[in-house]
Amino acid sequence: MEVYITIVARTIFLYFLIVLIFRLMGKREIGELSIFDLVVFLMIAEMAVTAIEDHKDSLIHTIIPMFLLMIIQISLAFLSLKSQKIRHLLDGKPTIIINRGKVDEHAMRSQRYNFDDLMTHLREKDIKSIADVEFALLESSGKLSVIEKQKDKRNQPELPIPVIIDGRIQEENLESINKNNLWLRQQLRKLGYDNIKHISFCSFGKGIFFIDLKDEKK
């Protein structure tokens, strides 16, 4: 009887401990978890199961690794906020699969993404044909964001392209819209922005720039 009470007590304690750890690590939907998030969650869950089954082992042997993983995860999340390179390493970056109605097969191969995957995701969005798609963006979470073609060519959608993130010019994105570094700097100077490093985020679409400056308090 004492064994069952111990197992129940451990289960309840570890349940609330895991909920606390996950809340401290931040709220993210299951579909938005990165590979690193998923690995940490699985490791913590496995530790909890082992601790419940092996009721003779001290709980401290489980609690310490759990909190260590939490600290690692929070630290990496903090670093990803400060560095785009680390963010791309941990979470990956979006990939344009269809650009202005043209399928980018090279981008698909680089993401191990095939036409069956593409058609499956399109059907989930009630899109029957690739010919109906103007833009398709494979997000780092694995979801496919789609903008359909419009019948009226004058109102054809144009996906805003991030050209500056965290004060760094996105050369690949500039190439995708047939622009270069020099053009971007010239356009920003006309708008009164001389220092790229002061720009937190800048996108370009339909001939319009959206610019968000960094918080000076940071």
N, C-alpha and C. Protein backbone atom coordinates (compact mmCIF):
# COMPACT_ATOMS: atom_id res chain seq x y z
N MET A 1 0.83 -1.21 0.00
CA MET A 1 0.00 0.00 0.00
C MET A 1 0.86 1.27 0.00
N GLU A 2 1.94 1.20 0.75
CA GLU A 2 2.84 2.35 0.83
C GLU A 2 3.46 2.67 -0.52
N VAL A 3 3.73 1.61 -1.30
CA VAL A 3 4.32 1.79 -2.64
C VAL A 3 3.38 2.57 -3.54
N TYR A 4 2.08 2.24 -3.49
CA TYR A 4 1.09 2.90 -4.34
C TYR A 4 0.93 4.38 -3.95
N ILE A 5 0.97 4.62 -2.66
CA ILE A 5 0.87 6.01 -2.19
C ILE A 5 2.06 6.82 -2.69
N THR A 6 3.25 6.21 -2.65
CA THR A 6 4.47 6.88 -3.14
C THR A 6 4.37 7.19 -4.63
N ILE A 7 3.88 6.21 -5.39
CA ILE A 7 3.75 6.40 -6.85
C ILE A 7 2.75 7.52 -7.15
N VAL A 8 1.61 7.53 -6.44
CA VAL A 8 0.60 8.58 -6.66
C VAL A 8 1.17 9.95 -6.29
N ALA A 9 1.85 10.02 -5.16
CA ALA A 9 2.43 11.30 -4.72
C ALA A 9 3.48 11.80 -5.71
N ARG A 10 4.33 10.90 -6.19
CA ARG A 10 5.35 11.28 -7.18
C ARG A 10 4.71 11.76 -8.47
N THR A 11 3.66 11.06 -8.89
CA THR A 11 2.99 11.42 -10.14
C THR A 11 2.40 12.83 -10.05
N ILE A 12 1.71 13.11 -8.94
CA ILE A 12 1.10 14.44 -8.76
C ILE A 12 2.17 15.52 -8.68
N PHE A 13 3.24 15.24 -7.93
CA PHE A 13 4.31 16.23 -7.78
C PHE A 13 4.99 16.51 -9.11
N LEU A 14 5.33 15.46 -9.86
CA LEU A 14 6.03 15.63 -11.13
C LEU A 14 5.12 16.29 -12.18
N TYR A 15 3.82 16.02 -12.09
CA TYR A 15 2.88 16.68 -13.01
C TYR A 15 2.95 18.20 -12.86
N PHE A 16 2.81 18.66 -11.63
CA PHE A 16 2.84 20.10 -11.39
C PHE A 16 4.23 20.69 -11.64
N LEU A 17 5.28 19.90 -11.40
CA LEU A 17 6.64 20.36 -11.67
C LEU A 17 6.86 20.57 -13.17
N ILE A 18 6.38 19.62 -13.98
CA ILE A 18 6.54 19.72 -15.43
C ILE A 18 5.73 20.90 -15.98
N VAL A 19 4.50 21.08 -15.45
CA VAL A 19 3.69 22.22 -15.87
C VAL A 19 4.42 23.53 -15.57
N LEU A 20 5.02 23.61 -14.38
CA LEU A 20 5.77 24.81 -13.98
C LEU A 20 6.96 25.04 -14.91
N ILE A 21 7.71 23.98 -15.19
CA ILE A 21 8.89 24.10 -16.06
C ILE A 21 8.49 24.56 -17.46
N PHE A 22 7.43 23.97 -18.01
CA PHE A 22 6.99 24.34 -19.36
C PHE A 22 6.49 25.77 -19.40
N ARG A 23 5.82 26.22 -18.32
CA ARG A 23 5.36 27.61 -18.28
C ARG A 23 6.54 28.57 -18.21
N LEU A 24 7.57 28.20 -17.46
CA LEU A 24 8.76 29.04 -17.35
C LEU A 24 9.52 29.12 -18.67
N MET A 25 9.45 28.06 -19.46
CA MET A 25 10.15 28.04 -20.75
C MET A 25 9.40 28.83 -21.81
N GLY A 26 8.15 29.23 -21.52
CA GLY A 26 7.40 30.05 -22.48
C GLY A 26 6.31 29.26 -23.17
N LYS A 27 5.29 30.01 -23.62
CA LYS A 27 4.14 29.39 -24.29
C LYS A 27 4.40 29.27 -25.78
N ARG A 28 4.29 28.05 -26.29
CA ARG A 28 4.38 27.83 -27.74
C ARG A 28 3.43 26.71 -28.10
N GLU A 29 2.76 26.86 -29.24
CA GLU A 29 1.87 25.81 -29.70
C GLU A 29 2.69 24.60 -30.14
N ILE A 30 2.05 23.41 -30.06
CA ILE A 30 2.76 22.18 -30.42
C ILE A 30 3.30 22.26 -31.84
N GLY A 31 2.51 22.84 -32.76
CA GLY A 31 2.93 22.92 -34.15
C GLY A 31 4.07 23.90 -34.38
N GLU A 32 4.37 24.73 -33.38
CA GLU A 32 5.43 25.72 -33.53
C GLU A 32 6.72 25.30 -32.83
N LEU A 33 6.74 24.11 -32.26
CA LEU A 33 7.93 23.65 -31.54
C LEU A 33 9.08 23.41 -32.51
N SER A 34 10.26 23.88 -32.13
CA SER A 34 11.45 23.60 -32.92
C SER A 34 11.97 22.22 -32.53
N ILE A 35 12.98 21.74 -33.25
CA ILE A 35 13.57 20.44 -32.92
C ILE A 35 14.13 20.46 -31.51
N PHE A 36 14.78 21.56 -31.14
CA PHE A 36 15.37 21.67 -29.81
C PHE A 36 14.28 21.65 -28.73
N ASP A 37 13.16 22.34 -28.97
CA ASP A 37 12.05 22.32 -28.03
C ASP A 37 11.54 20.90 -27.83
N LEU A 38 11.35 20.22 -28.95
CA LEU A 38 10.80 18.87 -28.91
C LEU A 38 11.72 17.91 -28.16
N VAL A 39 13.03 18.01 -28.41
CA VAL A 39 14.00 17.16 -27.72
C VAL A 39 13.95 17.38 -26.21
N VAL A 40 13.93 18.64 -25.80
CA VAL A 40 13.88 18.97 -24.37
C VAL A 40 12.60 18.43 -23.74
N PHE A 41 11.46 18.63 -24.40
CA PHE A 41 10.19 18.17 -23.86
C PHE A 41 10.17 16.65 -23.71
N LEU A 42 10.71 15.95 -24.72
CA LEU A 42 10.74 14.48 -24.66
C LEU A 42 11.65 13.99 -23.54
N MET A 43 12.80 14.66 -23.37
CA MET A 43 13.74 14.26 -22.32
C MET A 43 13.13 14.45 -20.93
N ILE A 44 12.46 15.59 -20.74
CA ILE A 44 11.82 15.86 -19.45
C ILE A 44 10.71 14.85 -19.18
N ALA A 45 9.92 14.54 -20.20
CA ALA A 45 8.84 13.56 -20.04
C ALA A 45 9.40 12.18 -19.70
N GLU A 46 10.49 11.81 -20.37
CA GLU A 46 11.12 10.51 -20.11
C GLU A 46 11.66 10.43 -18.68
N MET A 47 12.25 11.53 -18.22
CA MET A 47 12.76 11.58 -16.84
C MET A 47 11.63 11.40 -15.83
N ALA A 48 10.50 12.03 -16.11
CA ALA A 48 9.35 11.94 -15.21
C ALA A 48 8.83 10.51 -15.13
N VAL A 49 8.72 9.86 -16.27
CA VAL A 49 8.24 8.47 -16.31
C VAL A 49 9.18 7.56 -15.54
N THR A 50 10.48 7.74 -15.75
CA THR A 50 11.48 6.91 -15.05
C THR A 50 11.40 7.12 -13.54
N ALA A 51 11.22 8.39 -13.12
CA ALA A 51 11.14 8.71 -11.69
C ALA A 51 9.91 8.08 -11.05
N ILE A 52 8.80 8.01 -11.79
CA ILE A 52 7.58 7.40 -11.25
C ILE A 52 7.73 5.89 -11.14
N GLU A 53 8.34 5.27 -12.15
CA GLU A 53 8.51 3.82 -12.14
C GLU A 53 9.52 3.39 -11.08
N ASP A 54 10.63 4.12 -10.98
CA ASP A 54 11.66 3.77 -10.02
C ASP A 54 11.43 4.58 -8.74
N HIS A 55 10.44 4.19 -7.98
CA HIS A 55 10.03 4.98 -6.82
C HIS A 55 11.04 4.94 -5.67
N LYS A 56 12.01 4.03 -5.73
CA LYS A 56 13.01 3.95 -4.68
C LYS A 56 14.12 4.98 -4.85
N ASP A 57 14.28 5.46 -6.08
CA ASP A 57 15.33 6.45 -6.36
C ASP A 57 14.89 7.82 -5.85
N SER A 58 15.84 8.61 -5.36
CA SER A 58 15.52 9.93 -4.84
C SER A 58 15.03 10.86 -5.95
N LEU A 59 14.01 11.65 -5.66
CA LEU A 59 13.46 12.57 -6.65
C LEU A 59 14.46 13.65 -7.06
N ILE A 60 15.40 13.94 -6.19
CA ILE A 60 16.37 14.99 -6.50
C ILE A 60 17.19 14.63 -7.73
N HIS A 61 17.37 13.31 -7.97
CA HIS A 61 18.11 12.86 -9.16
C HIS A 61 17.36 13.15 -10.45
N THR A 62 16.06 13.38 -10.34
CA THR A 62 15.25 13.75 -11.50
C THR A 62 15.06 15.25 -11.59
N ILE A 63 14.87 15.89 -10.45
CA ILE A 63 14.61 17.33 -10.42
C ILE A 63 15.79 18.14 -10.94
N ILE A 64 17.01 17.76 -10.54
CA ILE A 64 18.20 18.51 -10.97
C ILE A 64 18.35 18.51 -12.50
N PRO A 65 18.31 17.33 -13.19
CA PRO A 65 18.41 17.35 -14.66
C PRO A 65 17.28 18.13 -15.33
N MET A 66 16.06 18.05 -14.75
CA MET A 66 14.94 18.78 -15.33
C MET A 66 15.19 20.29 -15.31
N PHE A 67 15.61 20.79 -14.17
CA PHE A 67 15.87 22.23 -14.06
C PHE A 67 17.09 22.63 -14.89
N LEU A 68 18.04 21.73 -15.04
CA LEU A 68 19.20 22.01 -15.88
C LEU A 68 18.77 22.17 -17.34
N LEU A 69 17.89 21.29 -17.81
CA LEU A 69 17.37 21.40 -19.18
C LEU A 69 16.57 22.68 -19.35
N MET A 70 15.81 23.04 -18.32
CA MET A 70 15.03 24.28 -18.38
C MET A 70 15.94 25.49 -18.51
N ILE A 71 17.03 25.51 -17.72
CA ILE A 71 17.97 26.63 -17.78
C ILE A 71 18.63 26.71 -19.15
N ILE A 72 19.00 25.55 -19.70
CA ILE A 72 19.61 25.52 -21.04
C ILE A 72 18.64 26.07 -22.07
N GLN A 73 17.37 25.65 -21.99
CA GLN A 73 16.36 26.08 -22.96
C GLN A 73 16.10 27.57 -22.87
N ILE A 74 15.98 28.09 -21.65
CA ILE A 74 15.73 29.52 -21.47
C ILE A 74 16.93 30.33 -21.95
N SER A 75 18.13 29.83 -21.68
CA SER A 75 19.35 30.52 -22.12
C SER A 75 19.44 30.59 -23.63
N LEU A 76 19.12 29.47 -24.30
CA LEU A 76 19.14 29.44 -25.76
C LEU A 76 18.07 30.37 -26.34
N ALA A 77 16.91 30.41 -25.68
CA ALA A 77 15.85 31.31 -26.15
C ALA A 77 16.28 32.76 -26.03
N PHE A 78 16.98 33.09 -24.95
CA PHE A 78 17.48 34.46 -24.75
C PHE A 78 18.52 34.80 -25.81
N LEU A 79 19.43 33.85 -26.07
CA LEU A 79 20.47 34.10 -27.07
C LEU A 79 19.87 34.24 -28.47
N SER A 80 18.80 33.50 -28.74
CA SER A 80 18.17 33.58 -30.07
C SER A 80 17.51 34.93 -30.29
N LEU A 81 17.10 35.59 -29.18
CA LEU A 81 16.55 36.94 -29.30
C LEU A 81 17.62 37.94 -29.68
N LYS A 82 18.85 37.67 -29.27
CA LYS A 82 19.95 38.60 -29.50
C LYS A 82 20.70 38.33 -30.80
N SER A 83 20.63 37.10 -31.29
CA SER A 83 21.43 36.73 -32.47
C SER A 83 20.57 36.02 -33.51
N GLN A 84 20.57 36.56 -34.72
CA GLN A 84 19.81 35.92 -35.80
C GLN A 84 20.43 34.58 -36.19
N LYS A 85 21.76 34.48 -36.14
CA LYS A 85 22.43 33.23 -36.50
C LYS A 85 22.02 32.10 -35.57
N ILE A 86 21.99 32.40 -34.27
CA ILE A 86 21.59 31.38 -33.30
C ILE A 86 20.12 31.03 -33.49
N ARG A 87 19.29 32.03 -33.80
CA ARG A 87 17.86 31.80 -34.03
C ARG A 87 17.65 30.88 -35.22
N HIS A 88 18.39 31.11 -36.28
CA HIS A 88 18.27 30.24 -37.46
C HIS A 88 18.80 28.84 -37.17
N LEU A 89 19.85 28.74 -36.34
CA LEU A 89 20.40 27.44 -35.98
C LEU A 89 19.40 26.63 -35.17
N LEU A 90 18.72 27.28 -34.23
CA LEU A 90 17.78 26.59 -33.35
C LEU A 90 16.44 26.34 -34.00
N ASP A 91 15.89 27.34 -34.67
CA ASP A 91 14.53 27.25 -35.19
C ASP A 91 14.45 27.08 -36.70
N GLY A 92 15.59 27.29 -37.40
CA GLY A 92 15.54 27.28 -38.85
C GLY A 92 14.96 28.60 -39.36
N LYS A 93 14.78 28.72 -40.66
CA LYS A 93 14.21 29.94 -41.22
C LYS A 93 13.23 29.60 -42.34
N PRO A 94 12.25 30.47 -42.57
CA PRO A 94 11.25 30.20 -43.60
C PRO A 94 11.88 30.07 -44.99
N THR A 95 11.24 29.27 -45.83
CA THR A 95 11.73 29.06 -47.19
C THR A 95 10.60 29.30 -48.18
N ILE A 96 10.86 30.10 -49.21
CA ILE A 96 9.85 30.36 -50.23
C ILE A 96 9.80 29.17 -51.19
N ILE A 97 8.69 28.47 -51.19
CA ILE A 97 8.51 27.28 -52.03
C ILE A 97 7.93 27.66 -53.39
N ILE A 98 6.97 28.58 -53.38
CA ILE A 98 6.38 29.08 -54.63
C ILE A 98 6.51 30.60 -54.63
N ASN A 99 7.15 31.13 -55.64
CA ASN A 99 7.39 32.57 -55.73
C ASN A 99 6.78 33.11 -57.02
N ARG A 100 5.73 33.93 -56.86
CA ARG A 100 5.01 34.49 -58.01
C ARG A 100 4.55 33.41 -58.98
N GLY A 101 4.00 32.33 -58.40
CA GLY A 101 3.43 31.25 -59.21
C GLY A 101 4.43 30.22 -59.69
N LYS A 102 5.72 30.44 -59.45
CA LYS A 102 6.76 29.50 -59.92
C LYS A 102 7.27 28.67 -58.75
N VAL A 103 7.22 27.34 -58.91
CA VAL A 103 7.71 26.44 -57.87
C VAL A 103 9.23 26.44 -57.87
N ASP A 104 9.82 26.65 -56.70
CA ASP A 104 11.28 26.65 -56.55
C ASP A 104 11.70 25.24 -56.12
N GLU A 105 12.06 24.41 -57.09
CA GLU A 105 12.40 23.02 -56.80
C GLU A 105 13.71 22.91 -56.00
N HIS A 106 14.62 23.85 -56.22
CA HIS A 106 15.87 23.84 -55.46
C HIS A 106 15.59 24.06 -53.97
N ALA A 107 14.69 24.99 -53.67
CA ALA A 107 14.32 25.25 -52.27
C ALA A 107 13.63 24.04 -51.67
N MET A 108 12.80 23.37 -52.47
CA MET A 108 12.11 22.17 -51.99
C MET A 108 13.11 21.06 -51.65
N ARG A 109 14.09 20.86 -52.53
CA ARG A 109 15.09 19.82 -52.27
C ARG A 109 15.90 20.13 -51.02
N SER A 110 16.23 21.40 -50.83
CA SER A 110 17.04 21.78 -49.67
C SER A 110 16.30 21.51 -48.36
N GLN A 111 14.96 21.50 -48.40
CA GLN A 111 14.15 21.25 -47.21
C GLN A 111 13.61 19.82 -47.16
N ARG A 112 14.08 18.97 -48.10
CA ARG A 112 13.57 17.58 -48.19
C ARG A 112 12.05 17.59 -48.30
N TYR A 113 11.57 18.48 -49.13
CA TYR A 113 10.13 18.71 -49.29
C TYR A 113 9.76 18.34 -50.71
N ASN A 114 8.80 17.42 -50.89
CA ASN A 114 8.46 16.96 -52.24
C ASN A 114 7.07 17.45 -52.65
N PHE A 115 6.69 17.13 -53.88
CA PHE A 115 5.41 17.61 -54.40
C PHE A 115 4.22 16.97 -53.68
N ASP A 116 4.40 15.74 -53.18
CA ASP A 116 3.33 15.12 -52.41
C ASP A 116 3.07 15.92 -51.12
N ASP A 117 4.16 16.34 -50.46
CA ASP A 117 4.03 17.17 -49.27
C ASP A 117 3.32 18.48 -49.60
N LEU A 118 3.74 19.09 -50.71
CA LEU A 118 3.17 20.37 -51.12
C LEU A 118 1.67 20.23 -51.40
N MET A 119 1.30 19.21 -52.16
CA MET A 119 -0.12 19.02 -52.50
C MET A 119 -0.96 18.70 -51.27
N THR A 120 -0.37 17.94 -50.33
CA THR A 120 -1.09 17.61 -49.10
C THR A 120 -1.41 18.88 -48.31
N HIS A 121 -0.41 19.75 -48.16
CA HIS A 121 -0.62 20.99 -47.42
C HIS A 121 -1.59 21.93 -48.14
N LEU A 122 -1.54 21.93 -49.46
CA LEU A 122 -2.46 22.77 -50.22
C LEU A 122 -3.90 22.28 -50.07
N ARG A 123 -4.09 20.96 -50.11
CA ARG A 123 -5.43 20.40 -49.95
C ARG A 123 -5.99 20.72 -48.56
N GLU A 124 -5.11 20.73 -47.56
CA GLU A 124 -5.55 21.07 -46.20
C GLU A 124 -6.07 22.50 -46.13
N LYS A 125 -5.63 23.33 -47.08
CA LYS A 125 -6.09 24.72 -47.14
C LYS A 125 -7.16 24.91 -48.21
N ASP A 126 -7.72 23.79 -48.68
CA ASP A 126 -8.78 23.80 -49.70
C ASP A 126 -8.33 24.43 -51.01
N ILE A 127 -7.07 24.22 -51.35
CA ILE A 127 -6.52 24.67 -52.63
C ILE A 127 -6.26 23.42 -53.47
N LYS A 128 -6.90 23.34 -54.61
CA LYS A 128 -6.85 22.12 -55.41
C LYS A 128 -5.67 22.05 -56.36
N SER A 129 -5.14 23.20 -56.73
CA SER A 129 -4.09 23.20 -57.76
C SER A 129 -2.96 24.17 -57.40
N ILE A 130 -1.74 23.76 -57.76
CA ILE A 130 -0.59 24.64 -57.58
C ILE A 130 -0.74 25.89 -58.43
N ALA A 131 -1.46 25.77 -59.53
CA ALA A 131 -1.65 26.90 -60.44
C ALA A 131 -2.43 28.04 -59.78
N ASP A 132 -3.12 27.74 -58.67
CA ASP A 132 -3.90 28.77 -57.99
C ASP A 132 -3.09 29.53 -56.94
N VAL A 133 -1.80 29.16 -56.80
CA VAL A 133 -0.97 29.74 -55.74
C VAL A 133 -0.01 30.79 -56.29
N GLU A 134 -0.01 31.95 -55.67
CA GLU A 134 0.95 33.01 -56.04
C GLU A 134 2.22 32.90 -55.21
N PHE A 135 2.06 32.72 -53.89
CA PHE A 135 3.19 32.54 -52.99
C PHE A 135 2.90 31.40 -52.02
N ALA A 136 3.94 30.63 -51.71
CA ALA A 136 3.84 29.61 -50.66
C ALA A 136 5.14 29.65 -49.86
N LEU A 137 5.00 29.81 -48.57
CA LEU A 137 6.16 29.95 -47.69
C LEU A 137 6.16 28.83 -46.67
N LEU A 138 7.22 28.02 -46.68
CA LEU A 138 7.36 26.95 -45.70
C LEU A 138 7.98 27.52 -44.43
N GLU A 139 7.17 27.62 -43.37
CA GLU A 139 7.64 28.23 -42.13
C GLU A 139 8.60 27.29 -41.41
N SER A 140 9.36 27.85 -40.48
CA SER A 140 10.33 27.05 -39.73
C SER A 140 9.63 25.99 -38.88
N SER A 141 8.34 26.18 -38.57
CA SER A 141 7.57 25.21 -37.80
C SER A 141 7.11 24.04 -38.67
N GLY A 142 7.27 24.15 -40.00
CA GLY A 142 6.82 23.11 -40.91
C GLY A 142 5.47 23.41 -41.54
N LYS A 143 4.81 24.48 -41.09
CA LYS A 143 3.53 24.87 -41.67
C LYS A 143 3.75 25.59 -43.00
N LEU A 144 2.75 25.51 -43.87
CA LEU A 144 2.84 26.16 -45.17
C LEU A 144 1.89 27.36 -45.18
N SER A 145 2.45 28.55 -45.39
CA SER A 145 1.65 29.76 -45.52
C SER A 145 1.44 30.03 -47.01
N VAL A 146 0.19 30.28 -47.39
CA VAL A 146 -0.15 30.37 -48.82
C VAL A 146 -0.92 31.65 -49.13
N ILE A 147 -0.55 32.30 -50.24
CA ILE A 147 -1.33 33.41 -50.79
C ILE A 147 -1.78 32.99 -52.19
N GLU A 148 -3.09 32.97 -52.38
CA GLU A 148 -3.63 32.52 -53.66
C GLU A 148 -3.58 33.63 -54.71
N LYS A 149 -3.61 33.21 -55.97
CA LYS A 149 -3.67 34.16 -57.07
C LYS A 149 -5.07 34.78 -57.11
N GLN A 150 -5.12 36.01 -57.60
CA GLN A 150 -6.39 36.68 -57.77
C GLN A 150 -6.70 36.82 -59.25
N LYS A 151 -7.98 36.78 -59.56
CA LYS A 151 -8.38 36.86 -60.96
C LYS A 151 -8.06 38.22 -61.56
N ASP A 152 -8.19 39.24 -60.73
CA ASP A 152 -7.89 40.60 -61.19
C ASP A 152 -6.38 40.83 -61.09
N LYS A 153 -5.66 40.84 -62.19
CA LYS A 153 -4.21 40.98 -62.21
C LYS A 153 -3.75 42.30 -61.60
N ARG A 154 -4.62 43.32 -61.65
CA ARG A 154 -4.21 44.61 -61.10
C ARG A 154 -4.09 44.55 -59.58
N ASN A 155 -4.81 43.59 -58.97
CA ASN A 155 -4.75 43.46 -57.51
C ASN A 155 -3.96 42.23 -57.09
N GLN A 156 -3.02 41.82 -57.95
CA GLN A 156 -2.22 40.64 -57.67
C GLN A 156 -1.47 40.80 -56.35
N PRO A 157 -1.55 39.81 -55.44
CA PRO A 157 -0.89 39.94 -54.15
C PRO A 157 0.62 39.92 -54.27
N GLU A 158 1.26 40.62 -53.40
CA GLU A 158 2.72 40.61 -53.33
C GLU A 158 3.15 40.40 -51.90
N LEU A 159 3.90 39.33 -51.67
CA LEU A 159 4.31 38.97 -50.32
C LEU A 159 5.40 39.91 -49.84
N PRO A 160 5.17 40.62 -48.70
CA PRO A 160 6.24 41.48 -48.16
C PRO A 160 7.46 40.64 -47.79
N ILE A 161 8.61 41.05 -48.27
CA ILE A 161 9.85 40.30 -48.05
C ILE A 161 10.68 40.98 -46.97
N PRO A 162 11.07 40.25 -45.92
CA PRO A 162 11.98 40.85 -44.92
C PRO A 162 13.35 41.12 -45.55
N VAL A 163 13.79 42.36 -45.53
CA VAL A 163 15.08 42.70 -46.11
C VAL A 163 16.12 43.07 -45.05
N ILE A 164 15.65 43.38 -43.84
CA ILE A 164 16.54 43.63 -42.71
C ILE A 164 15.95 42.99 -41.47
N ILE A 165 16.75 42.20 -40.77
CA ILE A 165 16.33 41.60 -39.50
C ILE A 165 17.45 41.79 -38.50
N ASP A 166 17.12 42.40 -37.36
CA ASP A 166 18.11 42.65 -36.30
C ASP A 166 19.33 43.42 -36.80
N GLY A 167 19.09 44.40 -37.67
CA GLY A 167 20.19 45.23 -38.16
C GLY A 167 21.06 44.58 -39.22
N ARG A 168 20.65 43.44 -39.75
CA ARG A 168 21.42 42.73 -40.77
C ARG A 168 20.62 42.63 -42.07
N ILE A 169 21.27 42.97 -43.17
CA ILE A 169 20.62 42.90 -44.48
C ILE A 169 20.50 41.45 -44.92
N GLN A 170 19.30 41.07 -45.37
CA GLN A 170 19.03 39.70 -45.83
C GLN A 170 19.31 39.61 -47.33
N GLU A 171 20.55 39.27 -47.66
CA GLU A 171 20.99 39.26 -49.05
C GLU A 171 20.16 38.32 -49.93
N GLU A 172 19.85 37.13 -49.41
CA GLU A 172 19.10 36.15 -50.19
C GLU A 172 17.71 36.67 -50.54
N ASN A 173 17.07 37.35 -49.57
CA ASN A 173 15.74 37.89 -49.83
C ASN A 173 15.77 39.02 -50.85
N LEU A 174 16.84 39.81 -50.81
CA LEU A 174 17.00 40.88 -51.80
C LEU A 174 17.14 40.29 -53.20
N GLU A 175 17.92 39.22 -53.31
CA GLU A 175 18.11 38.58 -54.61
C GLU A 175 16.79 38.03 -55.15
N SER A 176 15.92 37.57 -54.24
CA SER A 176 14.64 36.98 -54.68
C SER A 176 13.72 38.02 -55.31
N ILE A 177 13.94 39.30 -55.01
CA ILE A 177 13.12 40.37 -55.61
C ILE A 177 13.95 41.19 -56.61
N ASN A 178 15.09 40.61 -57.01
CA ASN A 178 15.97 41.24 -58.01
C ASN A 178 16.48 42.61 -57.57
N LYS A 179 16.81 42.73 -56.29
CA LYS A 179 17.39 43.95 -55.74
C LYS A 179 18.72 43.62 -55.09
N ASN A 180 19.51 44.66 -54.76
CA ASN A 180 20.80 44.41 -54.13
C ASN A 180 21.01 45.33 -52.92
N ASN A 181 22.14 45.12 -52.28
CA ASN A 181 22.50 45.86 -51.07
C ASN A 181 22.52 47.37 -51.30
N LEU A 182 23.13 47.77 -52.40
CA LEU A 182 23.26 49.19 -52.72
C LEU A 182 21.89 49.84 -52.90
N TRP A 183 21.00 49.16 -53.63
CA TRP A 183 19.65 49.69 -53.85
C TRP A 183 18.93 49.91 -52.53
N LEU A 184 19.04 48.93 -51.63
CA LEU A 184 18.35 49.03 -50.34
C LEU A 184 18.87 50.21 -49.53
N ARG A 185 20.18 50.36 -49.47
CA ARG A 185 20.76 51.47 -48.70
C ARG A 185 20.34 52.83 -49.28
N GLN A 186 20.29 52.91 -50.61
CA GLN A 186 19.89 54.17 -51.24
C GLN A 186 18.43 54.50 -50.92
N GLN A 187 17.56 53.48 -50.96
CA GLN A 187 16.14 53.71 -50.67
C GLN A 187 15.93 54.13 -49.22
N LEU A 188 16.68 53.51 -48.32
CA LEU A 188 16.53 53.83 -46.90
C LEU A 188 17.06 55.23 -46.59
N ARG A 189 18.14 55.64 -47.28
CA ARG A 189 18.66 57.00 -47.08
C ARG A 189 17.63 58.04 -47.50
N LYS A 190 16.90 57.75 -48.58
CA LYS A 190 15.86 58.67 -49.04
C LYS A 190 14.76 58.82 -47.98
N LEU A 191 14.57 57.75 -47.20
CA LEU A 191 13.54 57.78 -46.16
C LEU A 191 14.09 58.30 -44.84
N GLY A 192 15.38 58.62 -44.82
CA GLY A 192 15.98 59.20 -43.61
C GLY A 192 16.63 58.20 -42.68
N TYR A 193 16.90 56.98 -43.17
CA TYR A 193 17.54 55.96 -42.35
C TYR A 193 18.96 55.71 -42.88
N ASP A 194 19.95 56.23 -42.17
CA ASP A 194 21.33 56.12 -42.63
C ASP A 194 22.07 54.92 -42.03
N ASN A 195 21.66 54.50 -40.85
CA ASN A 195 22.37 53.42 -40.17
C ASN A 195 21.50 52.16 -40.13
N ILE A 196 21.93 51.14 -40.88
CA ILE A 196 21.18 49.88 -40.96
C ILE A 196 21.06 49.22 -39.59
N LYS A 197 22.10 49.36 -38.77
CA LYS A 197 22.13 48.67 -37.48
C LYS A 197 21.07 49.17 -36.51
N HIS A 198 20.50 50.35 -36.80
CA HIS A 198 19.46 50.90 -35.93
C HIS A 198 18.08 50.33 -36.26
N ILE A 199 18.00 49.56 -37.35
CA ILE A 199 16.72 49.02 -37.80
C ILE A 199 16.54 47.60 -37.27
N SER A 200 15.46 47.40 -36.54
CA SER A 200 15.18 46.07 -35.99
C SER A 200 14.58 45.15 -37.06
N PHE A 201 13.63 45.70 -37.84
CA PHE A 201 12.98 44.90 -38.88
C PHE A 201 12.54 45.80 -40.02
N CYS A 202 12.77 45.33 -41.24
CA CYS A 202 12.34 46.08 -42.42
C CYS A 202 11.89 45.10 -43.49
N SER A 203 10.69 45.31 -44.02
CA SER A 203 10.20 44.47 -45.11
C SER A 203 9.81 45.37 -46.29
N PHE A 204 9.75 44.76 -47.48
CA PHE A 204 9.42 45.50 -48.69
C PHE A 204 8.39 44.73 -49.49
N GLY A 205 7.30 45.39 -49.82
CA GLY A 205 6.25 44.76 -50.61
C GLY A 205 5.34 45.79 -51.23
N LYS A 206 4.94 45.58 -52.48
CA LYS A 206 4.08 46.51 -53.22
C LYS A 206 4.69 47.91 -53.26
N GLY A 207 6.03 47.96 -53.32
CA GLY A 207 6.72 49.23 -53.41
C GLY A 207 6.76 50.02 -52.11
N ILE A 208 6.38 49.39 -51.01
CA ILE A 208 6.31 50.08 -49.73
C ILE A 208 7.22 49.40 -48.71
N PHE A 209 7.96 50.21 -47.95
CA PHE A 209 8.80 49.71 -46.87
C PHE A 209 8.04 49.77 -45.55
N PHE A 210 8.16 48.70 -44.77
CA PHE A 210 7.73 48.76 -43.37
C PHE A 210 9.00 48.70 -42.53
N ILE A 211 9.19 49.70 -41.66
CA ILE A 211 10.44 49.81 -40.90
C ILE A 211 10.12 49.93 -39.41
N ASP A 212 10.80 49.09 -38.62
CA ASP A 212 10.67 49.15 -37.17
C ASP A 212 12.06 49.34 -36.58
N LEU A 213 12.25 50.42 -35.82
CA LEU A 213 13.56 50.73 -35.25
C LEU A 213 13.78 49.98 -33.94
N LYS A 214 15.05 49.75 -33.64
CA LYS A 214 15.40 49.10 -32.38
C LYS A 214 15.09 50.00 -31.20
N ASP A 215 14.75 49.38 -30.09
CA ASP A 215 14.49 50.11 -28.86
C ASP A 215 15.82 50.56 -28.28
N GLU A 216 16.02 51.85 -28.15
CA GLU A 216 17.30 52.38 -27.66
C GLU A 216 17.60 51.95 -26.25
N LYS A 217 16.58 51.64 -25.46
CA LYS A 217 16.78 51.22 -24.08
C LYS A 217 17.49 49.89 -24.01
N LYS A 218 17.39 49.08 -25.08
CA LYS A 218 18.06 47.79 -25.11
C LYS A 218 19.56 47.96 -25.27
